[in-house]
């Protein structure tokens, strides 16, 4: 019965969020409305809602995204100048995942992982 899980994350500025996800991370814009943004990559959607009062340093938004070629994804993001989280470079974790992480402009934490 369930067909998809779509995280909804806070954003302060739709133009900044759109630019980051489309221009830097390679997502496609699915829709943009007054206070809402939808992006997609490889069949996975992320939605964003406007949160004018959001303090990025207090934002707890997080998404874990599984991938099947983490090395290529990591290199691609580095090639596009995407900053990697200072505590999240590509590494193999004790729980059997190879992971890296980044923070979007509103400090939503995106962690990418692949089973090793």
Protein backbone atom coordinates (compact mmCIF):
# COMPACT_ATOMS: atom_id res chain seq x y z
CA UNK A 1 0.00 0.00 0.00
CA UNK A 2 2.74 2.50 0.84
CA UNK A 3 4.54 3.73 -2.27
CA UNK A 4 6.94 6.49 -1.22
CA UNK A 5 8.39 8.38 1.71
CA UNK A 6 8.99 12.07 1.05
CA UNK A 7 10.81 14.12 3.68
CA UNK A 8 9.63 17.70 4.22
CA UNK A 9 12.39 20.01 5.40
CA UNK A 10 12.35 23.66 6.48
CA UNK A 11 13.83 26.42 4.32
CA UNK A 12 14.16 30.16 4.75
CA UNK A 13 14.47 31.19 1.10
CA UNK A 14 13.12 29.13 -1.81
CA UNK A 15 15.54 30.66 -4.34
CA UNK A 16 18.58 29.74 -2.24
CA UNK A 17 17.26 26.24 -1.56
CA UNK A 18 16.36 25.70 -5.24
CA UNK A 19 19.80 26.85 -6.37
CA UNK A 20 21.59 24.57 -3.92
CA UNK A 21 19.60 21.43 -4.71
CA UNK A 22 19.29 21.97 -8.47
CA UNK A 23 22.61 23.65 -9.35
CA UNK A 24 24.88 22.00 -6.78
CA UNK A 25 23.32 18.61 -5.96
CA UNK A 26 21.81 17.80 -9.36
CA UNK A 27 18.15 17.61 -8.38
CA UNK A 28 15.38 18.57 -10.82
CA UNK A 29 12.78 21.15 -9.87
CA UNK A 30 9.32 19.52 -9.74
CA UNK A 31 7.38 22.52 -8.48
CA UNK A 32 7.67 25.84 -6.72
CA UNK A 33 4.85 27.60 -4.97
CA UNK A 34 4.59 30.60 -2.64
CA UNK A 35 5.89 28.76 0.42
CA UNK A 36 6.72 25.30 -0.89
CA UNK A 37 9.39 23.70 -3.08
CA UNK A 38 9.62 20.19 -4.58
CA UNK A 39 12.79 18.63 -6.05
CA UNK A 40 13.65 15.15 -7.36
CA UNK A 41 16.74 13.12 -8.20
CA UNK A 42 16.87 9.48 -9.29
CA UNK A 43 13.22 8.98 -8.35
CA UNK A 44 13.61 10.39 -4.83
CA UNK A 45 11.74 13.54 -3.83
CA UNK A 46 12.45 16.14 -1.20
CA UNK A 47 9.91 18.79 -0.27
CA UNK A 48 10.64 22.08 1.50
CA UNK A 49 8.32 24.41 3.38
CA UNK A 50 9.05 28.05 4.14
CA UNK A 51 10.00 28.69 7.74
CA UNK A 52 10.77 32.40 8.05
CA UNK A 53 11.73 32.08 11.71
CA UNK A 54 14.14 29.17 11.16
CA UNK A 55 17.46 29.56 12.94
CA UNK A 56 19.86 27.39 10.90
CA UNK A 57 22.06 26.83 13.94
CA UNK A 58 19.10 25.28 15.77
CA UNK A 59 17.68 23.29 12.84
CA UNK A 60 17.42 19.55 13.49
CA UNK A 61 16.22 18.61 9.97
CA UNK A 62 17.92 15.43 8.77
CA UNK A 63 17.60 12.95 5.91
CA UNK A 64 19.50 9.70 5.33
CA UNK A 65 19.80 8.86 1.63
CA UNK A 66 21.01 5.45 0.49
CA UNK A 67 23.01 5.22 -2.72
CA UNK A 68 24.52 2.45 -4.81
CA UNK A 69 27.67 4.31 -5.91
CA UNK A 70 28.78 6.51 -3.06
CA UNK A 71 32.33 7.02 -4.35
CA UNK A 72 31.10 8.47 -7.66
CA UNK A 73 28.50 10.65 -5.92
CA UNK A 74 31.08 11.97 -3.46
CA UNK A 75 33.56 12.84 -6.25
CA UNK A 76 30.81 14.49 -8.29
CA UNK A 77 29.77 16.72 -5.40
CA UNK A 78 33.37 17.67 -4.66
CA UNK A 79 33.86 18.48 -8.37
CA UNK A 80 30.86 20.84 -8.15
CA UNK A 81 32.32 22.61 -5.12
CA UNK A 82 29.76 21.27 -2.64
CA UNK A 83 31.17 21.64 0.87
CA UNK A 84 31.23 18.40 2.86
CA UNK A 85 30.24 18.57 6.53
CA UNK A 86 33.42 19.08 8.61
CA UNK A 87 32.60 15.95 10.62
CA UNK A 88 31.25 14.02 7.64
CA UNK A 89 33.90 13.15 5.06
CA UNK A 90 33.53 9.89 3.18
CA UNK A 91 34.43 7.02 5.50
CA UNK A 92 33.38 3.52 6.44
CA UNK A 93 31.43 3.43 9.69
CA UNK A 94 31.43 0.62 12.29
CA UNK A 95 27.77 -0.12 11.44
CA UNK A 96 28.69 -1.33 7.96
CA UNK A 97 27.91 1.78 5.94
CA UNK A 98 30.22 3.96 3.87
CA UNK A 99 28.92 7.49 4.47
CA UNK A 100 29.41 11.20 4.05
CA UNK A 101 27.32 14.18 5.07
CA UNK A 102 26.59 17.77 4.08
CA UNK A 103 24.60 20.69 5.39
CA UNK A 104 22.28 22.59 3.07
CA UNK A 105 21.97 26.40 3.36
CA UNK A 106 19.44 25.99 6.20
CA UNK A 107 21.57 23.37 7.98
CA UNK A 108 19.37 20.41 7.10
CA UNK A 109 21.77 17.49 7.48
CA UNK A 110 21.97 15.21 4.43
CA UNK A 111 23.77 11.93 5.07
CA UNK A 112 24.48 9.64 2.13
CA UNK A 113 25.25 5.98 2.75
CA UNK A 114 26.01 2.74 0.98
CA UNK A 115 26.29 -0.73 2.55
CA UNK A 116 29.79 -2.18 2.47
